[in-house]
Amino acid sequence: GCAFQERCRFSDRKCLEDPPWIEIRQ
């Protein structure tokens, strides 16, 4: 999953899967 998960204060079980690309704004 996400390589940053162990250092991230917001990580949860979902982060064990590869995260998708999300468009915040153009």
PDB file of all heavy atoms in Angstrom:
ATOM      1  N   GLY A   1       0.817  -1.209   0.000  1.00  0.00           N
ATOM      2  CA  GLY A   1       0.000   0.000   0.000  1.00  0.00           C
ATOM      3  C   GLY A   1       0.849   1.257   0.000  1.00  0.00           C
ATOM      4  O   GLY A   1       1.868   1.351  -0.693  1.00  0.00           O
ATOM      5  N   CYS A   2       0.449   2.244   0.782  1.00  0.00           N
ATOM      6  CA  CYS A   2       1.143   3.531   0.845  1.00  0.00           C
ATOM      7  C   CYS A   2       2.436   3.398   1.643  1.00  0.00           C
ATOM      8  O   CYS A   2       2.431   2.950   2.789  1.00  0.00           O
ATOM      9  CB  CYS A   2       0.246   4.580   1.495  1.00  0.00           C
ATOM     10  SG  CYS A   2       1.056   6.192   1.702  1.00  0.00           S
ATOM     11  N   ALA A   3       3.561   3.800   1.038  1.00  0.00           N
ATOM     12  CA  ALA A   3       4.861   3.673   1.699  1.00  0.00           C
ATOM     13  C   ALA A   3       5.003   4.625   2.877  1.00  0.00           C
ATOM     14  O   ALA A   3       5.856   4.425   3.748  1.00  0.00           O
ATOM     15  CB  ALA A   3       5.974   3.927   0.689  1.00  0.00           C
ATOM     16  N   PHE A   4       4.149   5.666   2.953  1.00  0.00           N
ATOM     17  CA  PHE A   4       4.252   6.669   4.016  1.00  0.00           C
ATOM     18  C   PHE A   4       3.405   6.314   5.236  1.00  0.00           C
ATOM     19  O   PHE A   4       3.457   6.999   6.244  1.00  0.00           O
ATOM     20  CB  PHE A   4       3.830   8.039   3.465  1.00  0.00           C
ATOM     21  CG  PHE A   4       4.063   9.187   4.413  1.00  0.00           C
ATOM     22  CD1 PHE A   4       5.344   9.518   4.828  1.00  0.00           C
ATOM     23  CD2 PHE A   4       2.999   9.942   4.886  1.00  0.00           C
ATOM     24  CE1 PHE A   4       5.567  10.582   5.704  1.00  0.00           C
ATOM     25  CE2 PHE A   4       3.209  11.006   5.751  1.00  0.00           C
ATOM     26  CZ  PHE A   4       4.497  11.327   6.166  1.00  0.00           C
ATOM     27  N   GLN A   5       2.650   5.225   5.177  1.00  0.00           N
ATOM     28  CA  GLN A   5       1.645   4.935   6.206  1.00  0.00           C
ATOM     29  C   GLN A   5       2.205   4.860   7.621  1.00  0.00           C
ATOM     30  O   GLN A   5       1.556   5.305   8.577  1.00  0.00           O
ATOM     31  CB  GLN A   5       0.928   3.624   5.878  1.00  0.00           C
ATOM     32  CG  GLN A   5       1.841   2.415   5.790  1.00  0.00           C
ATOM     33  CD  GLN A   5       1.108   1.148   5.392  1.00  0.00           C
ATOM     34  OE1 GLN A   5       0.516   0.499   6.232  1.00  0.00           O
ATOM     35  NE2 GLN A   5       1.151   0.817   4.109  1.00  0.00           N
ATOM     36  N   GLU A   6       3.425   4.328   7.796  1.00  0.00           N
ATOM     37  CA  GLU A   6       3.961   4.168   9.142  1.00  0.00           C
ATOM     38  C   GLU A   6       4.399   5.489   9.764  1.00  0.00           C
ATOM     39  O   GLU A   6       4.607   5.570  10.972  1.00  0.00           O
ATOM     40  CB  GLU A   6       5.135   3.186   9.111  1.00  0.00           C
ATOM     41  CG  GLU A   6       4.710   1.766   8.730  1.00  0.00           C
ATOM     42  CD  GLU A   6       5.882   0.819   8.609  1.00  0.00           C
ATOM     43  OE1 GLU A   6       7.030   1.266   8.859  1.00  0.00           O
ATOM     44  OE2 GLU A   6       5.665  -0.353   8.258  1.00  0.00           O
ATOM     45  N   ARG A   7       4.518   6.529   8.960  1.00  0.00           N
ATOM     46  CA  ARG A   7       4.911   7.846   9.475  1.00  0.00           C
ATOM     47  C   ARG A   7       3.735   8.827   9.473  1.00  0.00           C
ATOM     48  O   ARG A   7       3.906   9.981   9.878  1.00  0.00           O
ATOM     49  CB  ARG A   7       6.043   8.416   8.615  1.00  0.00           C
ATOM     50  CG  ARG A   7       7.237   7.501   8.482  1.00  0.00           C
ATOM     51  CD  ARG A   7       8.289   8.072   7.541  1.00  0.00           C
ATOM     52  NE  ARG A   7       8.968   9.218   8.106  1.00  0.00           N
ATOM     53  CZ  ARG A   7       9.824   9.980   7.434  1.00  0.00           C
ATOM     54  NH1 ARG A   7      10.084   9.715   6.159  1.00  0.00           N
ATOM     55  NH2 ARG A   7      10.407  11.001   8.008  1.00  0.00           N
ATOM     56  N   CYS A   8       2.589   8.371   9.022  1.00  0.00           N
ATOM     57  CA  CYS A   8       1.450   9.273   8.819  1.00  0.00           C
ATOM     58  C   CYS A   8       0.463   9.178   9.988  1.00  0.00           C
ATOM     59  O   CYS A   8      -0.004   8.090  10.332  1.00  0.00           O
ATOM     60  CB  CYS A   8       0.746   8.914   7.512  1.00  0.00           C
ATOM     61  SG  CYS A   8      -0.679   9.962   7.138  1.00  0.00           S
ATOM     62  N   ARG A   9       0.111  10.320  10.573  1.00  0.00           N
ATOM     63  CA  ARG A   9      -0.815  10.315  11.713  1.00  0.00           C
ATOM     64  C   ARG A   9      -2.255  10.089  11.277  1.00  0.00           C
ATOM     65  O   ARG A   9      -3.134   9.901  12.112  1.00  0.00           O
ATOM     66  CB  ARG A   9      -0.695  11.619  12.503  1.00  0.00           C
ATOM     67  CG  ARG A   9      -1.031  12.884  11.733  1.00  0.00           C
ATOM     68  CD  ARG A   9      -0.577  14.120  12.513  1.00  0.00           C
ATOM     69  NE  ARG A   9      -0.811  15.352  11.789  1.00  0.00           N
ATOM     70  CZ  ARG A   9      -1.833  16.171  12.014  1.00  0.00           C
ATOM     71  NH1 ARG A   9      -2.733  15.859  12.933  1.00  0.00           N
ATOM     72  NH2 ARG A   9      -1.966  17.283  11.316  1.00  0.00           N
ATOM     73  N   PHE A  10      -2.524  10.098   9.969  1.00  0.00           N
ATOM     74  CA  PHE A  10      -3.888   9.898   9.485  1.00  0.00           C
ATOM     75  C   PHE A  10      -4.103   8.499   8.905  1.00  0.00           C
ATOM     76  O   PHE A  10      -5.184   8.206   8.397  1.00  0.00           O
ATOM     77  CB  PHE A  10      -4.236  10.928   8.406  1.00  0.00           C
ATOM     78  CG  PHE A  10      -4.053  12.351   8.835  1.00  0.00           C
ATOM     79  CD1 PHE A  10      -3.106  13.164   8.214  1.00  0.00           C
ATOM     80  CD2 PHE A  10      -4.816  12.884   9.860  1.00  0.00           C
ATOM     81  CE1 PHE A  10      -2.935  14.480   8.607  1.00  0.00           C
ATOM     82  CE2 PHE A  10      -4.650  14.205  10.263  1.00  0.00           C
ATOM     83  CZ  PHE A  10      -3.701  14.998   9.639  1.00  0.00           C
ATOM     84  N   SER A  11      -3.092   7.634   8.944  1.00  0.00           N
ATOM     85  CA  SER A  11      -3.207   6.339   8.281  1.00  0.00           C
ATOM     86  C   SER A  11      -4.221   5.435   8.977  1.00  0.00           C
ATOM     87  O   SER A  11      -4.442   5.521  10.190  1.00  0.00           O
ATOM     88  CB  SER A  11      -1.847   5.641   8.233  1.00  0.00           C
ATOM     89  OG  SER A  11      -1.387   5.327   9.526  1.00  0.00           O
ATOM     90  N   ASP A  12      -4.851   4.586   8.189  1.00  0.00           N
ATOM     91  CA  ASP A  12      -5.775   3.574   8.717  1.00  0.00           C
ATOM     92  C   ASP A  12      -5.643   2.320   7.854  1.00  0.00           C
ATOM     93  O   ASP A  12      -4.733   2.216   7.028  1.00  0.00           O
ATOM     94  CB  ASP A  12      -7.214   4.100   8.755  1.00  0.00           C
ATOM     95  CG  ASP A  12      -7.709   4.549   7.380  1.00  0.00           C
ATOM     96  OD1 ASP A  12      -7.140   4.084   6.364  1.00  0.00           O
ATOM     97  OD2 ASP A  12      -8.654   5.358   7.310  1.00  0.00           O
ATOM     98  N   ARG A  13      -6.535   1.364   8.033  1.00  0.00           N
ATOM     99  CA  ARG A  13      -6.423   0.082   7.331  1.00  0.00           C
ATOM    100  C   ARG A  13      -6.498   0.239   5.812  1.00  0.00           C
ATOM    101  O   ARG A  13      -5.938  -0.555   5.060  1.00  0.00           O
ATOM    102  CB  ARG A  13      -7.521  -0.868   7.817  1.00  0.00           C
ATOM    103  CG  ARG A  13      -7.365  -1.302   9.274  1.00  0.00           C
ATOM    104  CD  ARG A  13      -8.413  -2.347   9.639  1.00  0.00           C
ATOM    105  NE  ARG A  13      -8.265  -3.552   8.837  1.00  0.00           N
ATOM    106  CZ  ARG A  13      -7.416  -4.530   9.109  1.00  0.00           C
ATOM    107  NH1 ARG A  13      -6.601  -4.447  10.153  1.00  0.00           N
ATOM    108  NH2 ARG A  13      -7.362  -5.604   8.334  1.00  0.00           N
ATOM    109  N   LYS A  14      -7.184   1.284   5.350  1.00  0.00           N
ATOM    110  CA  LYS A  14      -7.306   1.510   3.912  1.00  0.00           C
ATOM    111  C   LYS A  14      -5.929   1.735   3.283  1.00  0.00           C
ATOM    112  O   LYS A  14      -5.701   1.411   2.110  1.00  0.00           O
ATOM    113  CB  LYS A  14      -8.205   2.723   3.662  1.00  0.00           C
ATOM    114  CG  LYS A  14      -8.666   2.871   2.222  1.00  0.00           C
ATOM    115  CD  LYS A  14      -9.647   1.792   1.833  1.00  0.00           C
ATOM    116  CE  LYS A  14     -10.224   2.036   0.450  1.00  0.00           C
ATOM    117  NZ  LYS A  14     -11.049   0.899  -0.013  1.00  0.00           N
ATOM    118  N   CYS A  15      -4.992   2.274   4.068  1.00  0.00           N
ATOM    119  CA  CYS A  15      -3.670   2.617   3.548  1.00  0.00           C
ATOM    120  C   CYS A  15      -2.820   1.385   3.249  1.00  0.00           C
ATOM    121  O   CYS A  15      -1.721   1.506   2.695  1.00  0.00           O
ATOM    122  CB  CYS A  15      -2.948   3.539   4.528  1.00  0.00           C
ATOM    123  SG  CYS A  15      -3.822   5.097   4.814  1.00  0.00           S
ATOM    124  N   LEU A  16      -3.315   0.186   3.619  1.00  0.00           N
ATOM    125  CA  LEU A  16      -2.618  -1.052   3.269  1.00  0.00           C
ATOM    126  C   LEU A  16      -2.795  -1.392   1.791  1.00  0.00           C
ATOM    127  O   LEU A  16      -2.121  -2.276   1.268  1.00  0.00           O
ATOM    128  CB  LEU A  16      -3.126  -2.206   4.135  1.00  0.00           C
ATOM    129  CG  LEU A  16      -2.809  -2.096   5.639  1.00  0.00           C
ATOM    130  CD1 LEU A  16      -3.528  -3.188   6.403  1.00  0.00           C
ATOM    131  CD2 LEU A  16      -1.300  -2.157   5.867  1.00  0.00           C
ATOM    132  N   GLU A  17      -3.693  -0.678   1.115  1.00  0.00           N
ATOM    133  CA  GLU A  17      -3.896  -0.836  -0.317  1.00  0.00           C
ATOM    134  C   GLU A  17      -3.233   0.333  -1.054  1.00  0.00           C
ATOM    135  O   GLU A  17      -3.084   1.428  -0.503  1.00  0.00           O
ATOM    136  CB  GLU A  17      -5.397  -0.854  -0.645  1.00  0.00           C
ATOM    137  CG  GLU A  17      -6.186  -1.926   0.089  1.00  0.00           C
ATOM    138  CD  GLU A  17      -7.679  -1.771  -0.135  1.00  0.00           C
ATOM    139  OE1 GLU A  17      -8.068  -1.285  -1.221  1.00  0.00           O
ATOM    140  OE2 GLU A  17      -8.445  -2.104   0.782  1.00  0.00           O
ATOM    141  N   ASP A  18      -2.835   0.097  -2.304  1.00  0.00           N
ATOM    142  CA  ASP A  18      -2.225   1.172  -3.084  1.00  0.00           C
ATOM    143  C   ASP A  18      -3.207   2.320  -3.256  1.00  0.00           C
ATOM    144  O   ASP A  18      -4.336   2.107  -3.730  1.00  0.00           O
ATOM    145  CB  ASP A  18      -1.800   0.661  -4.464  1.00  0.00           C
ATOM    146  CG  ASP A  18      -0.548  -0.191  -4.394  1.00  0.00           C
ATOM    147  OD1 ASP A  18       0.283   0.059  -3.497  1.00  0.00           O
ATOM    148  OD2 ASP A  18      -0.398  -1.109  -5.217  1.00  0.00           O
ATOM    149  N   PRO A  19      -2.821   3.541  -2.890  1.00  0.00           N
ATOM    150  CA  PRO A  19      -3.741   4.675  -3.016  1.00  0.00           C
ATOM    151  C   PRO A  19      -3.941   5.076  -4.469  1.00  0.00           C
ATOM    152  O   PRO A  19      -3.030   4.943  -5.296  1.00  0.00           O
ATOM    153  CB  PRO A  19      -3.048   5.788  -2.224  1.00  0.00           C
ATOM    154  CG  PRO A  19      -1.602   5.422  -2.253  1.00  0.00           C
ATOM    155  CD  PRO A  19      -1.536   3.928  -2.281  1.00  0.00           C
ATOM    156  N   PRO A  20      -5.105   5.599  -4.814  1.00  0.00           N
ATOM    157  CA  PRO A  20      -5.364   6.051  -6.189  1.00  0.00           C
ATOM    158  C   PRO A  20      -4.924   7.498  -6.379  1.00  0.00           C
ATOM    159  O   PRO A  20      -4.647   8.217  -5.411  1.00  0.00           O
ATOM    160  CB  PRO A  20      -6.897   5.954  -6.271  1.00  0.00           C
ATOM    161  CG  PRO A  20      -7.337   6.305  -4.872  1.00  0.00           C
ATOM    162  CD  PRO A  20      -6.294   5.741  -3.940  1.00  0.00           C
ATOM    163  N   TRP A  21      -4.860   7.915  -7.634  1.00  0.00           N
ATOM    164  CA  TRP A  21      -4.654   9.341  -7.915  1.00  0.00           C
ATOM    165  C   TRP A  21      -5.986  10.064  -7.744  1.00  0.00           C
ATOM    166  O   TRP A  21      -7.003   9.619  -8.266  1.00  0.00           O
ATOM    167  CB  TRP A  21      -4.146   9.548  -9.333  1.00  0.00           C
ATOM    168  CG  TRP A  21      -2.664   9.372  -9.491  1.00  0.00           C
ATOM    169  CD1 TRP A  21      -2.025   8.355 -10.129  1.00  0.00           C
ATOM    170  CD2 TRP A  21      -1.648  10.249  -9.010  1.00  0.00           C
ATOM    171  NE1 TRP A  21      -0.664   8.536 -10.068  1.00  0.00           N
ATOM    172  CE2 TRP A  21      -0.399   9.688  -9.396  1.00  0.00           C
ATOM    173  CE3 TRP A  21      -1.662  11.433  -8.279  1.00  0.00           C
ATOM    174  CZ2 TRP A  21       0.822  10.280  -9.080  1.00  0.00           C
ATOM    175  CZ3 TRP A  21      -0.448  12.027  -7.961  1.00  0.00           C
ATOM    176  CH2 TRP A  21       0.774  11.467  -8.359  1.00  0.00           C
ATOM    177  N   ILE A  22      -5.980  11.156  -7.004  1.00  0.00           N
ATOM    178  CA  ILE A  22      -7.177  11.976  -6.794  1.00  0.00           C
ATOM    179  C   ILE A  22      -6.882  13.385  -7.296  1.00  0.00           C
ATOM    180  O   ILE A  22      -5.825  13.953  -6.997  1.00  0.00           O
ATOM    181  CB  ILE A  22      -7.574  12.025  -5.302  1.00  0.00           C
ATOM    182  CG1 ILE A  22      -7.963  10.625  -4.811  1.00  0.00           C
ATOM    183  CG2 ILE A  22      -8.713  13.014  -5.061  1.00  0.00           C
ATOM    184  CD1 ILE A  22      -8.222  10.549  -3.310  1.00  0.00           C
ATOM    185  N   GLU A  23      -7.797  13.942  -8.074  1.00  0.00           N
ATOM    186  CA  GLU A  23      -7.625  15.319  -8.554  1.00  0.00           C
ATOM    187  C   GLU A  23      -8.248  16.279  -7.547  1.00  0.00           C
ATOM    188  O   GLU A  23      -9.459  16.270  -7.323  1.00  0.00           O
ATOM    189  CB  GLU A  23      -8.268  15.496  -9.927  1.00  0.00           C
ATOM    190  CG  GLU A  23      -7.999  16.884 -10.508  1.00  0.00           C
ATOM    191  CD  GLU A  23      -8.434  17.020 -11.949  1.00  0.00           C
ATOM    192  OE1 GLU A  23      -9.269  16.198 -12.395  1.00  0.00           O
ATOM    193  OE2 GLU A  23      -7.970  17.938 -12.635  1.00  0.00           O
ATOM    194  N   ILE A  24      -7.412  17.084  -6.919  1.00  0.00           N
ATOM    195  CA  ILE A  24      -7.884  18.070  -5.939  1.00  0.00           C
ATOM    196  C   ILE A  24      -8.495  19.264  -6.659  1.00  0.00           C
ATOM    197  O   ILE A  24      -9.614  19.692  -6.381  1.00  0.00           O
ATOM    198  CB  ILE A  24      -6.729  18.540  -5.030  1.00  0.00           C
ATOM    199  CG1 ILE A  24      -6.076  17.347  -4.329  1.00  0.00           C
ATOM    200  CG2 ILE A  24      -7.222  19.565  -4.014  1.00  0.00           C
ATOM    201  CD1 ILE A  24      -6.981  16.586  -3.392  1.00  0.00           C
ATOM    202  N   ARG A  25      -7.750  19.823  -7.567  1.00  0.00           N
ATOM    203  CA  ARG A  25      -8.197  20.871  -8.475  1.00  0.00           C
ATOM    204  C   ARG A  25      -7.470  20.662  -9.788  1.00  0.00           C
ATOM    205  O   ARG A  25      -6.558  19.838  -9.854  1.00  0.00           O
ATOM    206  CB  ARG A  25      -7.892  22.270  -7.891  1.00  0.00           C
ATOM    207  CG  ARG A  25      -8.926  22.761  -6.898  1.00  0.00           C
ATOM    208  CD  ARG A  25      -8.496  24.059  -6.246  1.00  0.00           C
ATOM    209  NE  ARG A  25      -7.431  23.841  -5.275  1.00  0.00           N
ATOM    210  CZ  ARG A  25      -7.649  23.418  -4.040  1.00  0.00           C
ATOM    211  NH1 ARG A  25      -8.869  23.164  -3.624  1.00  0.00           N
ATOM    212  NH2 ARG A  25      -6.644  23.241  -3.208  1.00  0.00           N
ATOM    213  N   GLN A  26      -7.818  21.406 -10.802  1.00  0.00           N
ATOM    214  CA  GLN A  26      -7.173  21.231 -12.099  1.00  0.00           C
ATOM    215  C   GLN A  26      -5.664  21.418 -11.973  1.00  0.00           C
ATOM    216  O   GLN A  26      -5.192  22.447 -11.485  1.00  0.00           O
ATOM    217  CB  GLN A  26      -7.734  22.217 -13.124  1.00  0.00           C
ATOM    218  CG  GLN A  26      -7.181  21.993 -14.526  1.00  0.00           C
ATOM    219  CD  GLN A  26      -7.832  22.903 -15.552  1.00  0.00           C
ATOM    220  OE1 GLN A  26      -8.569  23.809 -15.209  1.00  0.00           O
ATOM    221  NE2 GLN A  26      -7.540  22.656 -16.813  1.00  0.00           N
TER     222      GLN A  26
END
